[in-house]
Amino acid sequence: MRSIEALRGLVMVLLLIATPTVAQEEPWVMQSTDDGEIVVESRIYEQGEDLQIIEYIVTTSADVTLDECIRVLKNVENHKIFMDDQVSKVVKVLSDNEWVIYYYTDSPWPMPDSDCVSRMKFIENMDDGVVRFHINAAPSDYPESKVKRMSIYNVSYDFKSTATRQVEIVISAKMSPVIQAPMWLVKSMFPEGPADVARKIIKLTESV
């Protein structure tokens, strides 16, 4: 668990550096589920007058292989399964390791439907043996539809093999919904919402 703590700490430092000073004052809330096997840290705050920012970090480990995790994430059609979206697809191939991807979300009331256009990069040779899929919003890379489009969507999926033949999984996210949701509704997502993303990724490895 020591290496997973170090990896999570590095992710938190990078998020703090990339966030305005006002956001650094917001406390992180730590929760766990699945008998402590999945840890979720989160914080929710307002940036400016009309942006609601949601950040979270999920850490866990599983009896899967690194290759299985890579195959699950590279198949963008899988993303709608673990993100509970209606559509997830590649709309443009930029290189062997970079794609423009599109998500469409049919949100429950009172949230409006929305979409998200992002660039996904696969980074295979990181320090400390971490394999990363980094997804960052690129709203102008695909024609707009009739729904609101997310402008802040920054998510990384990090995978690392361990000496115990498990894979450490760290999911870090910073996003802003297309409208400000009631705080009680956003808080109700944690810890189960982000934890379920990790659970579904692990379950998908059984079918690859």
N, C-alpha and C. Protein backbone atom coordinates (compact mmCIF):
# COMPACT_ATOMS: atom_id res chain seq x y z
N MET A 1 0.81 -1.21 0.00
CA MET A 1 0.00 0.00 0.00
C MET A 1 0.85 1.26 0.00
N ARG A 2 2.15 1.12 0.40
CA ARG A 2 2.98 2.32 0.48
C ARG A 2 3.14 2.99 -0.87
N SER A 3 3.32 2.19 -1.94
CA SER A 3 3.51 2.78 -3.25
C SER A 3 2.24 3.43 -3.75
N ILE A 4 1.08 2.86 -3.42
CA ILE A 4 -0.17 3.48 -3.86
C ILE A 4 -0.40 4.79 -3.13
N GLU A 5 0.03 4.89 -1.86
CA GLU A 5 -0.06 6.15 -1.13
C GLU A 5 0.82 7.21 -1.77
N ALA A 6 2.03 6.80 -2.19
CA ALA A 6 2.95 7.75 -2.82
C ALA A 6 2.39 8.24 -4.15
N LEU A 7 1.79 7.32 -4.93
CA LEU A 7 1.22 7.69 -6.21
C LEU A 7 0.05 8.65 -6.01
N ARG A 8 -0.80 8.37 -5.02
CA ARG A 8 -1.93 9.25 -4.75
C ARG A 8 -1.44 10.62 -4.29
N GLY A 9 -0.38 10.65 -3.48
CA GLY A 9 0.16 11.91 -3.02
C GLY A 9 0.69 12.76 -4.16
N LEU A 10 1.34 12.12 -5.13
CA LEU A 10 1.86 12.84 -6.28
C LEU A 10 0.71 13.45 -7.09
N VAL A 11 -0.36 12.68 -7.29
CA VAL A 11 -1.51 13.19 -8.04
C VAL A 11 -2.10 14.40 -7.33
N MET A 12 -2.23 14.35 -6.00
CA MET A 12 -2.81 15.46 -5.25
C MET A 12 -1.95 16.71 -5.36
N VAL A 13 -0.62 16.54 -5.32
CA VAL A 13 0.28 17.69 -5.46
C VAL A 13 0.11 18.33 -6.82
N LEU A 14 0.02 17.51 -7.89
CA LEU A 14 -0.15 18.05 -9.23
C LEU A 14 -1.47 18.79 -9.38
N LEU A 15 -2.52 18.26 -8.76
CA LEU A 15 -3.81 18.94 -8.82
C LEU A 15 -3.77 20.28 -8.10
N LEU A 16 -3.09 20.33 -6.97
CA LEU A 16 -2.99 21.57 -6.22
C LEU A 16 -2.22 22.63 -6.99
N ILE A 17 -1.14 22.20 -7.66
CA ILE A 17 -0.34 23.14 -8.44
C ILE A 17 -1.16 23.73 -9.57
N ALA A 18 -2.02 22.91 -10.18
CA ALA A 18 -2.79 23.34 -11.35
C ALA A 18 -4.05 24.10 -11.00
N THR A 19 -4.37 24.25 -9.70
CA THR A 19 -5.62 24.87 -9.28
C THR A 19 -5.35 26.23 -8.71
N PRO A 20 -6.22 27.23 -8.97
CA PRO A 20 -6.02 28.57 -8.43
C PRO A 20 -5.91 28.57 -6.91
N THR A 21 -5.27 29.63 -6.38
CA THR A 21 -5.00 29.71 -4.95
C THR A 21 -6.25 29.57 -4.11
N VAL A 22 -7.36 30.15 -4.54
CA VAL A 22 -8.57 30.08 -3.75
C VAL A 22 -9.02 28.64 -3.55
N ALA A 23 -8.79 27.78 -4.57
CA ALA A 23 -9.21 26.40 -4.46
C ALA A 23 -8.32 25.61 -3.51
N GLN A 24 -7.06 26.03 -3.29
CA GLN A 24 -6.17 25.32 -2.41
C GLN A 24 -6.65 25.36 -0.96
N GLU A 25 -7.50 26.32 -0.64
CA GLU A 25 -8.01 26.43 0.71
C GLU A 25 -9.16 25.47 0.99
N GLU A 26 -9.70 24.87 -0.05
CA GLU A 26 -10.80 23.95 0.13
C GLU A 26 -10.28 22.61 0.66
N PRO A 27 -10.89 22.10 1.72
CA PRO A 27 -10.41 20.83 2.29
C PRO A 27 -10.84 19.63 1.46
N TRP A 28 -9.99 18.63 1.43
CA TRP A 28 -10.34 17.35 0.81
C TRP A 28 -11.07 16.50 1.85
N VAL A 29 -12.09 15.81 1.39
CA VAL A 29 -12.85 14.90 2.25
C VAL A 29 -12.47 13.48 1.86
N MET A 30 -12.02 12.68 2.83
CA MET A 30 -11.62 11.30 2.56
C MET A 30 -12.71 10.35 3.03
N GLN A 31 -13.10 9.44 2.14
CA GLN A 31 -14.08 8.40 2.45
C GLN A 31 -13.57 7.08 1.89
N SER A 32 -14.12 5.99 2.38
CA SER A 32 -13.74 4.68 1.85
C SER A 32 -14.97 3.80 1.73
N THR A 33 -14.85 2.77 0.92
CA THR A 33 -15.93 1.82 0.73
C THR A 33 -15.32 0.46 0.43
N ASP A 34 -16.17 -0.55 0.32
CA ASP A 34 -15.71 -1.92 0.07
C ASP A 34 -14.71 -2.35 1.14
N ASP A 35 -15.08 -2.13 2.41
CA ASP A 35 -14.23 -2.51 3.55
C ASP A 35 -12.85 -1.86 3.47
N GLY A 36 -12.81 -0.62 2.97
CA GLY A 36 -11.56 0.12 2.91
C GLY A 36 -10.71 -0.17 1.69
N GLU A 37 -11.19 -1.04 0.80
CA GLU A 37 -10.40 -1.39 -0.38
C GLU A 37 -10.37 -0.26 -1.41
N ILE A 38 -11.38 0.59 -1.40
CA ILE A 38 -11.43 1.72 -2.32
C ILE A 38 -11.50 3.00 -1.49
N VAL A 39 -10.55 3.91 -1.72
CA VAL A 39 -10.50 5.19 -1.01
C VAL A 39 -10.84 6.30 -2.00
N VAL A 40 -11.74 7.18 -1.59
CA VAL A 40 -12.17 8.30 -2.44
C VAL A 40 -11.94 9.60 -1.68
N GLU A 41 -11.15 10.49 -2.28
CA GLU A 41 -10.95 11.83 -1.73
C GLU A 41 -11.61 12.82 -2.68
N SER A 42 -12.33 13.79 -2.14
CA SER A 42 -13.08 14.69 -3.00
C SER A 42 -13.16 16.08 -2.39
N ARG A 43 -13.45 17.05 -3.24
CA ARG A 43 -13.77 18.39 -2.79
C ARG A 43 -14.61 19.07 -3.88
N ILE A 44 -15.50 19.95 -3.44
CA ILE A 44 -16.42 20.65 -4.33
C ILE A 44 -16.37 22.12 -3.96
N TYR A 45 -16.22 22.99 -4.97
CA TYR A 45 -16.11 24.40 -4.67
C TYR A 45 -16.54 25.22 -5.88
N GLU A 46 -16.72 26.50 -5.67
CA GLU A 46 -17.07 27.41 -6.75
C GLU A 46 -15.83 28.17 -7.20
N GLN A 47 -15.70 28.31 -8.51
CA GLN A 47 -14.59 29.05 -9.10
C GLN A 47 -15.18 30.20 -9.91
N GLY A 48 -14.95 31.41 -9.47
CA GLY A 48 -15.62 32.55 -10.10
C GLY A 48 -17.08 32.59 -9.68
N GLU A 49 -17.91 33.15 -10.53
CA GLU A 49 -19.32 33.34 -10.18
C GLU A 49 -20.22 32.21 -10.65
N ASP A 50 -19.80 31.47 -11.67
CA ASP A 50 -20.75 30.51 -12.24
C ASP A 50 -20.16 29.13 -12.51
N LEU A 51 -18.96 28.83 -11.98
CA LEU A 51 -18.36 27.52 -12.19
C LEU A 51 -18.37 26.72 -10.90
N GLN A 52 -18.94 25.55 -10.95
CA GLN A 52 -18.89 24.61 -9.84
C GLN A 52 -17.86 23.54 -10.20
N ILE A 53 -16.84 23.41 -9.38
CA ILE A 53 -15.75 22.47 -9.66
C ILE A 53 -15.88 21.24 -8.75
N ILE A 54 -15.78 20.09 -9.36
CA ILE A 54 -15.80 18.82 -8.63
C ILE A 54 -14.46 18.13 -8.88
N GLU A 55 -13.78 17.79 -7.80
CA GLU A 55 -12.51 17.06 -7.91
C GLU A 55 -12.59 15.80 -7.07
N TYR A 56 -11.98 14.74 -7.58
CA TYR A 56 -11.89 13.53 -6.75
C TYR A 56 -10.69 12.70 -7.18
N ILE A 57 -10.23 11.88 -6.24
CA ILE A 57 -9.15 10.92 -6.49
C ILE A 57 -9.60 9.58 -5.92
N VAL A 58 -9.60 8.57 -6.75
CA VAL A 58 -9.96 7.22 -6.33
C VAL A 58 -8.70 6.36 -6.35
N THR A 59 -8.46 5.60 -5.29
CA THR A 59 -7.32 4.69 -5.27
C THR A 59 -7.78 3.31 -4.84
N THR A 60 -7.28 2.31 -5.53
CA THR A 60 -7.59 0.93 -5.19
C THR A 60 -6.56 0.03 -5.86
N SER A 61 -6.66 -1.25 -5.67
CA SER A 61 -5.82 -2.22 -6.38
C SER A 61 -6.67 -3.45 -6.66
N ALA A 62 -6.27 -4.23 -7.67
CA ALA A 62 -7.09 -5.36 -8.08
C ALA A 62 -6.22 -6.46 -8.68
N ASP A 63 -6.77 -7.67 -8.68
CA ASP A 63 -6.10 -8.81 -9.29
C ASP A 63 -6.37 -8.83 -10.79
N VAL A 64 -5.80 -7.88 -11.47
CA VAL A 64 -5.92 -7.77 -12.93
C VAL A 64 -4.52 -7.58 -13.49
N THR A 65 -4.40 -7.57 -14.80
CA THR A 65 -3.10 -7.32 -15.42
C THR A 65 -3.08 -5.93 -16.04
N LEU A 66 -1.89 -5.43 -16.21
CA LEU A 66 -1.73 -4.11 -16.84
C LEU A 66 -2.26 -4.12 -18.26
N ASP A 67 -2.01 -5.20 -19.00
CA ASP A 67 -2.49 -5.28 -20.38
C ASP A 67 -4.01 -5.26 -20.44
N GLU A 68 -4.67 -5.91 -19.50
CA GLU A 68 -6.13 -5.91 -19.47
C GLU A 68 -6.67 -4.50 -19.26
N CYS A 69 -6.06 -3.77 -18.33
CA CYS A 69 -6.50 -2.40 -18.07
C CYS A 69 -6.30 -1.51 -19.29
N ILE A 70 -5.18 -1.68 -19.97
CA ILE A 70 -4.90 -0.88 -21.16
C ILE A 70 -5.93 -1.17 -22.25
N ARG A 71 -6.26 -2.44 -22.46
CA ARG A 71 -7.23 -2.78 -23.50
C ARG A 71 -8.61 -2.21 -23.17
N VAL A 72 -8.98 -2.24 -21.89
CA VAL A 72 -10.28 -1.68 -21.50
C VAL A 72 -10.35 -0.20 -21.80
N LEU A 73 -9.32 0.56 -21.43
CA LEU A 73 -9.35 2.01 -21.62
C LEU A 73 -9.16 2.41 -23.08
N LYS A 74 -8.38 1.66 -23.84
CA LYS A 74 -8.18 2.00 -25.25
C LYS A 74 -9.45 1.84 -26.06
N ASN A 75 -10.31 0.93 -25.65
CA ASN A 75 -11.59 0.76 -26.32
C ASN A 75 -12.57 1.80 -25.77
N VAL A 76 -12.68 2.92 -26.45
CA VAL A 76 -13.46 4.05 -25.94
C VAL A 76 -14.94 3.70 -25.80
N GLU A 77 -15.42 2.69 -26.54
CA GLU A 77 -16.80 2.24 -26.36
C GLU A 77 -17.05 1.76 -24.92
N ASN A 78 -15.99 1.31 -24.25
CA ASN A 78 -16.13 0.88 -22.85
C ASN A 78 -16.40 2.04 -21.90
N HIS A 79 -15.99 3.23 -22.26
CA HIS A 79 -16.07 4.36 -21.35
C HIS A 79 -17.51 4.66 -20.94
N LYS A 80 -18.45 4.47 -21.86
CA LYS A 80 -19.85 4.75 -21.51
C LYS A 80 -20.36 3.77 -20.45
N ILE A 81 -19.71 2.60 -20.37
CA ILE A 81 -20.12 1.60 -19.39
C ILE A 81 -19.68 2.02 -17.99
N PHE A 82 -18.40 2.40 -17.84
CA PHE A 82 -17.96 2.74 -16.49
C PHE A 82 -18.26 4.18 -16.10
N MET A 83 -18.63 5.03 -17.08
CA MET A 83 -19.01 6.40 -16.77
C MET A 83 -20.52 6.63 -16.79
N ASP A 84 -21.29 5.59 -17.11
CA ASP A 84 -22.76 5.69 -17.18
C ASP A 84 -23.21 6.75 -18.18
N ASP A 85 -22.54 6.81 -19.32
CA ASP A 85 -22.95 7.70 -20.41
C ASP A 85 -23.76 6.91 -21.44
N GLN A 86 -24.40 7.63 -22.34
CA GLN A 86 -25.13 6.96 -23.41
C GLN A 86 -24.24 6.72 -24.64
N VAL A 87 -23.29 7.61 -24.86
CA VAL A 87 -22.40 7.50 -26.01
C VAL A 87 -20.97 7.76 -25.57
N SER A 88 -20.06 6.94 -26.04
CA SER A 88 -18.62 7.22 -25.91
C SER A 88 -17.96 6.65 -27.17
N LYS A 89 -17.31 7.52 -27.91
CA LYS A 89 -16.75 7.05 -29.19
C LYS A 89 -15.55 7.90 -29.59
N VAL A 90 -14.71 7.34 -30.45
CA VAL A 90 -13.61 8.08 -31.05
C VAL A 90 -14.15 8.81 -32.27
N VAL A 91 -13.89 10.11 -32.34
CA VAL A 91 -14.33 10.88 -33.51
C VAL A 91 -13.17 11.28 -34.41
N LYS A 92 -11.95 11.15 -33.90
CA LYS A 92 -10.78 11.44 -34.74
C LYS A 92 -9.55 10.79 -34.13
N VAL A 93 -8.76 10.16 -34.99
CA VAL A 93 -7.49 9.57 -34.56
C VAL A 93 -6.38 10.56 -34.87
N LEU A 94 -5.68 11.01 -33.84
CA LEU A 94 -4.60 11.98 -34.02
C LEU A 94 -3.25 11.31 -34.20
N SER A 95 -3.06 10.17 -33.54
CA SER A 95 -1.83 9.40 -33.66
C SER A 95 -2.11 8.02 -33.06
N ASP A 96 -1.08 7.19 -33.00
CA ASP A 96 -1.26 5.87 -32.40
C ASP A 96 -1.64 5.95 -30.92
N ASN A 97 -1.31 7.08 -30.29
CA ASN A 97 -1.54 7.20 -28.85
C ASN A 97 -2.36 8.43 -28.47
N GLU A 98 -3.08 9.02 -29.43
CA GLU A 98 -3.89 10.19 -29.10
C GLU A 98 -5.14 10.22 -29.99
N TRP A 99 -6.27 10.50 -29.35
CA TRP A 99 -7.55 10.48 -30.04
C TRP A 99 -8.43 11.64 -29.56
N VAL A 100 -9.32 12.11 -30.43
CA VAL A 100 -10.41 12.99 -30.00
C VAL A 100 -11.60 12.08 -29.72
N ILE A 101 -12.16 12.20 -28.52
CA ILE A 101 -13.26 11.33 -28.13
C ILE A 101 -14.48 12.16 -27.76
N TYR A 102 -15.64 11.52 -27.84
CA TYR A 102 -16.91 12.21 -27.61
C TYR A 102 -17.75 11.41 -26.63
N TYR A 103 -18.27 12.10 -25.60
CA TYR A 103 -19.21 11.51 -24.65
C TYR A 103 -20.54 12.25 -24.75
N TYR A 104 -21.63 11.50 -24.64
CA TYR A 104 -22.95 12.12 -24.52
C TYR A 104 -23.61 11.56 -23.27
N THR A 105 -24.12 12.45 -22.43
CA THR A 105 -24.71 12.07 -21.16
C THR A 105 -26.18 12.46 -21.11
N ASP A 106 -27.02 11.46 -20.90
CA ASP A 106 -28.46 11.69 -20.71
C ASP A 106 -28.68 11.78 -19.19
N SER A 107 -28.61 12.99 -18.66
CA SER A 107 -28.59 13.19 -17.22
C SER A 107 -29.98 13.06 -16.61
N PRO A 108 -30.06 12.55 -15.37
CA PRO A 108 -31.35 12.50 -14.67
C PRO A 108 -31.80 13.91 -14.28
N TRP A 109 -33.10 14.11 -14.21
CA TRP A 109 -33.65 15.38 -13.77
C TRP A 109 -33.11 15.69 -12.38
N PRO A 110 -32.74 16.95 -12.05
CA PRO A 110 -33.01 18.16 -12.83
C PRO A 110 -31.85 18.62 -13.72
N MET A 111 -30.84 17.77 -13.88
CA MET A 111 -29.70 18.16 -14.70
C MET A 111 -30.04 18.03 -16.18
N PRO A 112 -29.54 18.96 -17.03
CA PRO A 112 -29.79 18.85 -18.47
C PRO A 112 -28.85 17.84 -19.11
N ASP A 113 -29.25 17.32 -20.27
CA ASP A 113 -28.33 16.48 -21.04
C ASP A 113 -27.12 17.31 -21.42
N SER A 114 -25.99 16.65 -21.64
CA SER A 114 -24.77 17.37 -21.97
C SER A 114 -23.86 16.46 -22.80
N ASP A 115 -22.85 17.08 -23.40
CA ASP A 115 -21.82 16.28 -24.06
C ASP A 115 -20.45 16.81 -23.69
N CYS A 116 -19.44 16.06 -24.07
CA CYS A 116 -18.06 16.41 -23.72
C CYS A 116 -17.16 15.92 -24.84
N VAL A 117 -16.34 16.82 -25.36
CA VAL A 117 -15.34 16.47 -26.37
C VAL A 117 -13.97 16.63 -25.73
N SER A 118 -13.14 15.61 -25.86
CA SER A 118 -11.83 15.63 -25.18
C SER A 118 -10.76 15.01 -26.07
N ARG A 119 -9.53 15.28 -25.71
CA ARG A 119 -8.40 14.58 -26.30
C ARG A 119 -7.88 13.56 -25.29
N MET A 120 -7.77 12.33 -25.70
CA MET A 120 -7.25 11.28 -24.84
C MET A 120 -5.86 10.89 -25.30
N LYS A 121 -4.90 10.94 -24.37
CA LYS A 121 -3.53 10.52 -24.65
C LYS A 121 -3.18 9.28 -23.83
N PHE A 122 -2.51 8.35 -24.48
CA PHE A 122 -2.00 7.16 -23.80
C PHE A 122 -0.51 7.36 -23.60
N ILE A 123 -0.08 7.37 -22.34
CA ILE A 123 1.33 7.61 -22.00
C ILE A 123 1.85 6.34 -21.35
N GLU A 124 2.75 5.65 -22.03
CA GLU A 124 3.14 4.31 -21.60
C GLU A 124 4.42 4.28 -20.79
N ASN A 125 5.32 5.21 -21.02
CA ASN A 125 6.64 5.13 -20.39
C ASN A 125 6.84 6.25 -19.37
N MET A 126 6.01 6.28 -18.34
CA MET A 126 6.15 7.28 -17.29
C MET A 126 7.13 6.81 -16.24
N ASP A 127 7.59 7.74 -15.41
CA ASP A 127 8.46 7.38 -14.30
C ASP A 127 7.72 6.44 -13.36
N ASP A 128 8.46 5.58 -12.66
CA ASP A 128 7.91 4.65 -11.66
C ASP A 128 7.00 3.59 -12.28
N GLY A 129 7.07 3.41 -13.60
CA GLY A 129 6.33 2.32 -14.23
C GLY A 129 4.84 2.55 -14.35
N VAL A 130 4.39 3.78 -14.26
CA VAL A 130 2.96 4.08 -14.34
C VAL A 130 2.54 4.22 -15.80
N VAL A 131 1.43 3.60 -16.16
CA VAL A 131 0.80 3.77 -17.46
C VAL A 131 -0.40 4.68 -17.26
N ARG A 132 -0.54 5.71 -18.10
CA ARG A 132 -1.59 6.71 -17.88
C ARG A 132 -2.42 6.93 -19.15
N PHE A 133 -3.72 7.05 -18.95
CA PHE A 133 -4.63 7.59 -19.95
C PHE A 133 -5.08 8.95 -19.44
N HIS A 134 -4.73 10.01 -20.16
CA HIS A 134 -5.10 11.35 -19.74
C HIS A 134 -6.12 11.92 -20.71
N ILE A 135 -7.25 12.37 -20.16
CA ILE A 135 -8.35 12.89 -20.96
C ILE A 135 -8.59 14.34 -20.57
N ASN A 136 -8.49 15.24 -21.54
CA ASN A 136 -8.62 16.67 -21.26
C ASN A 136 -9.59 17.31 -22.26
N ALA A 137 -10.50 18.13 -21.75
CA ALA A 137 -11.54 18.74 -22.59
C ALA A 137 -10.94 19.51 -23.76
N ALA A 138 -11.55 19.31 -24.93
CA ALA A 138 -11.19 20.05 -26.15
C ALA A 138 -12.49 20.37 -26.86
N PRO A 139 -13.30 21.28 -26.27
CA PRO A 139 -14.67 21.49 -26.75
C PRO A 139 -14.80 21.92 -28.20
N SER A 140 -13.77 22.52 -28.77
CA SER A 140 -13.88 23.00 -30.15
C SER A 140 -13.43 21.97 -31.19
N ASP A 141 -13.06 20.77 -30.73
CA ASP A 141 -12.54 19.75 -31.66
C ASP A 141 -13.63 18.94 -32.36
N TYR A 142 -14.90 19.23 -32.07
CA TYR A 142 -15.99 18.48 -32.69
C TYR A 142 -17.20 19.40 -32.74
N PRO A 143 -18.00 19.34 -33.82
CA PRO A 143 -19.14 20.25 -33.95
C PRO A 143 -20.10 20.17 -32.76
N GLU A 144 -20.65 21.31 -32.39
CA GLU A 144 -21.57 21.36 -31.27
C GLU A 144 -22.93 20.78 -31.65
N SER A 145 -23.61 20.22 -30.64
CA SER A 145 -24.96 19.72 -30.84
C SER A 145 -25.92 20.65 -30.11
N LYS A 146 -27.14 20.18 -29.86
CA LYS A 146 -28.15 21.02 -29.23
C LYS A 146 -28.05 21.03 -27.71
N VAL A 147 -27.14 20.25 -27.15
CA VAL A 147 -27.02 20.18 -25.69
C VAL A 147 -25.81 20.99 -25.23
N LYS A 148 -25.79 21.29 -23.94
CA LYS A 148 -24.67 22.03 -23.36
C LYS A 148 -23.42 21.15 -23.36
N ARG A 149 -22.27 21.79 -23.55
CA ARG A 149 -21.00 21.06 -23.63
C ARG A 149 -20.11 21.41 -22.44
N MET A 150 -19.50 20.40 -21.84
CA MET A 150 -18.59 20.63 -20.74
C MET A 150 -17.32 21.31 -21.24
N SER A 151 -16.84 22.28 -20.49
CA SER A 151 -15.62 22.99 -20.87
C SER A 151 -14.45 22.63 -19.97
N ILE A 152 -14.73 22.09 -18.78
CA ILE A 152 -13.68 21.64 -17.86
C ILE A 152 -13.88 20.16 -17.60
N TYR A 153 -12.96 19.36 -18.11
CA TYR A 153 -13.02 17.92 -17.92
C TYR A 153 -11.60 17.39 -18.02
N ASN A 154 -11.00 17.10 -16.90
CA ASN A 154 -9.60 16.68 -16.84
C ASN A 154 -9.52 15.42 -15.99
N VAL A 155 -9.31 14.28 -16.63
CA VAL A 155 -9.35 12.99 -15.93
C VAL A 155 -8.13 12.16 -16.33
N SER A 156 -7.50 11.55 -15.34
CA SER A 156 -6.39 10.64 -15.59
C SER A 156 -6.67 9.29 -14.96
N TYR A 157 -6.35 8.24 -15.71
CA TYR A 157 -6.44 6.87 -15.21
C TYR A 157 -5.02 6.32 -15.17
N ASP A 158 -4.51 6.08 -13.98
CA ASP A 158 -3.14 5.59 -13.80
C ASP A 158 -3.16 4.13 -13.36
N PHE A 159 -2.30 3.33 -13.99
CA PHE A 159 -2.21 1.90 -13.66
C PHE A 159 -0.74 1.55 -13.45
N LYS A 160 -0.49 0.73 -12.42
CA LYS A 160 0.88 0.33 -12.12
C LYS A 160 0.91 -1.09 -11.59
N SER A 161 1.74 -1.94 -12.20
CA SER A 161 1.90 -3.31 -11.72
C SER A 161 2.67 -3.32 -10.42
N THR A 162 2.35 -4.27 -9.55
CA THR A 162 3.03 -4.39 -8.26
C THR A 162 3.72 -5.74 -8.14
N ALA A 163 4.54 -5.86 -7.13
CA ALA A 163 5.27 -7.12 -6.90
C ALA A 163 4.33 -8.26 -6.51
N THR A 164 3.14 -7.92 -6.05
CA THR A 164 2.16 -8.94 -5.65
C THR A 164 1.26 -9.36 -6.81
N ARG A 165 1.61 -8.97 -8.01
CA ARG A 165 0.87 -9.30 -9.23
C ARG A 165 -0.51 -8.63 -9.28
N GLN A 166 -0.67 -7.61 -8.49
CA GLN A 166 -1.86 -6.78 -8.60
C GLN A 166 -1.54 -5.54 -9.42
N VAL A 167 -2.57 -4.79 -9.74
CA VAL A 167 -2.39 -3.50 -10.41
C VAL A 167 -2.99 -2.42 -9.52
N GLU A 168 -2.17 -1.41 -9.22
CA GLU A 168 -2.67 -0.24 -8.49
C GLU A 168 -3.40 0.67 -9.47
N ILE A 169 -4.54 1.17 -9.07
CA ILE A 169 -5.37 2.02 -9.92
C ILE A 169 -5.62 3.34 -9.21
N VAL A 170 -5.29 4.43 -9.87
CA VAL A 170 -5.58 5.77 -9.33
C VAL A 170 -6.32 6.55 -10.41
N ILE A 171 -7.52 7.01 -10.10
CA ILE A 171 -8.31 7.83 -11.01
C ILE A 171 -8.40 9.23 -10.41
N SER A 172 -7.93 10.22 -11.12
CA SER A 172 -8.00 11.60 -10.63
C SER A 172 -8.81 12.42 -11.61
N ALA A 173 -9.70 13.25 -11.09
CA ALA A 173 -10.62 13.99 -11.95
C ALA A 173 -10.83 15.41 -11.44
N LYS A 174 -10.96 16.32 -12.39
CA LYS A 174 -11.39 17.69 -12.12
C LYS A 174 -12.34 18.07 -13.24
N MET A 175 -13.57 18.41 -12.87
CA MET A 175 -14.58 18.70 -13.89
C MET A 175 -15.57 19.73 -13.38
N SER A 176 -16.32 20.30 -14.32
CA SER A 176 -17.36 21.26 -13.98
C SER A 176 -18.63 20.88 -14.73
N PRO A 177 -19.74 20.64 -14.01
CA PRO A 177 -21.00 20.34 -14.71
C PRO A 177 -21.46 21.54 -15.52
N VAL A 178 -22.34 21.29 -16.48
CA VAL A 178 -22.76 22.35 -17.38
C VAL A 178 -23.65 23.39 -16.67
N ILE A 179 -24.25 23.00 -15.55
CA ILE A 179 -24.93 23.97 -14.68
C ILE A 179 -24.58 23.62 -13.24
N GLN A 180 -24.72 24.57 -12.34
CA GLN A 180 -24.46 24.30 -10.94
C GLN A 180 -25.57 23.42 -10.39
N ALA A 181 -25.18 22.27 -9.88
CA ALA A 181 -26.14 21.35 -9.28
C ALA A 181 -26.28 21.67 -7.80
N PRO A 182 -27.41 21.33 -7.19
CA PRO A 182 -27.55 21.50 -5.74
C PRO A 182 -26.45 20.76 -5.00
N MET A 183 -25.90 21.38 -3.97
CA MET A 183 -24.78 20.77 -3.26
C MET A 183 -25.13 19.40 -2.71
N TRP A 184 -26.37 19.25 -2.21
CA TRP A 184 -26.76 17.95 -1.65
C TRP A 184 -26.72 16.86 -2.71
N LEU A 185 -27.06 17.24 -3.96
CA LEU A 185 -27.06 16.27 -5.04
C LEU A 185 -25.64 15.86 -5.40
N VAL A 186 -24.73 16.83 -5.46
CA VAL A 186 -23.34 16.53 -5.79
C VAL A 186 -22.71 15.67 -4.69
N LYS A 187 -22.93 16.06 -3.44
CA LYS A 187 -22.33 15.31 -2.33
C LYS A 187 -22.84 13.88 -2.27
N SER A 188 -24.07 13.67 -2.74
CA SER A 188 -24.64 12.31 -2.70
C SER A 188 -23.91 11.35 -3.63
N MET A 189 -23.09 11.89 -4.53
CA MET A 189 -22.31 11.05 -5.44
C MET A 189 -21.17 10.32 -4.75
N PHE A 190 -20.75 10.83 -3.60
CA PHE A 190 -19.52 10.34 -2.97
C PHE A 190 -19.82 9.50 -1.74
N PRO A 191 -19.06 8.44 -1.52
CA PRO A 191 -17.93 7.95 -2.34
C PRO A 191 -18.34 7.00 -3.46
N GLU A 192 -19.63 6.61 -3.48
CA GLU A 192 -20.03 5.50 -4.34
C GLU A 192 -19.88 5.79 -5.84
N GLY A 193 -20.17 7.04 -6.26
CA GLY A 193 -20.08 7.35 -7.69
C GLY A 193 -18.70 7.09 -8.27
N PRO A 194 -17.67 7.77 -7.76
CA PRO A 194 -16.32 7.52 -8.27
C PRO A 194 -15.84 6.09 -8.00
N ALA A 195 -16.20 5.52 -6.84
CA ALA A 195 -15.78 4.15 -6.53
C ALA A 195 -16.34 3.18 -7.56
N ASP A 196 -17.55 3.43 -8.02
CA ASP A 196 -18.18 2.52 -8.98
C ASP A 196 -17.48 2.57 -10.33
N VAL A 197 -16.87 3.71 -10.68
CA VAL A 197 -16.08 3.78 -11.91
C VAL A 197 -14.94 2.76 -11.85
N ALA A 198 -14.24 2.74 -10.71
CA ALA A 198 -13.14 1.78 -10.55
C ALA A 198 -13.66 0.35 -10.58
N ARG A 199 -14.77 0.09 -9.90
CA ARG A 199 -15.34 -1.27 -9.89
C ARG A 199 -15.66 -1.74 -11.30
N LYS A 200 -16.27 -0.87 -12.10
CA LYS A 200 -16.68 -1.26 -13.45
C LYS A 200 -15.49 -1.46 -14.37
N ILE A 201 -14.43 -0.65 -14.19
CA ILE A 201 -13.22 -0.88 -14.98
C ILE A 201 -12.64 -2.26 -14.67
N ILE A 202 -12.59 -2.59 -13.38
CA ILE A 202 -12.05 -3.89 -12.97
C ILE A 202 -12.93 -5.00 -13.54
N LYS A 203 -14.24 -4.87 -13.48
CA LYS A 203 -15.14 -5.89 -14.01
C LYS A 203 -14.97 -6.05 -15.51
N LEU A 204 -14.75 -4.95 -16.22
CA LEU A 204 -14.57 -5.02 -17.67
C LEU A 204 -13.33 -5.82 -18.06
N THR A 205 -12.32 -5.84 -17.19
CA THR A 205 -11.11 -6.60 -17.52
C THR A 205 -11.40 -8.10 -17.64
N GLU A 206 -12.51 -8.56 -17.06
CA GLU A 206 -12.86 -9.98 -17.14
C GLU A 206 -13.32 -10.37 -18.54
N SER A 207 -13.70 -9.37 -19.36
CA SER A 207 -14.25 -9.68 -20.67
C SER A 207 -13.30 -9.35 -21.82
N VAL A 208 -12.10 -8.85 -21.50
CA VAL A 208 -11.17 -8.50 -22.59
C VAL A 208 -10.25 -9.67 -22.91
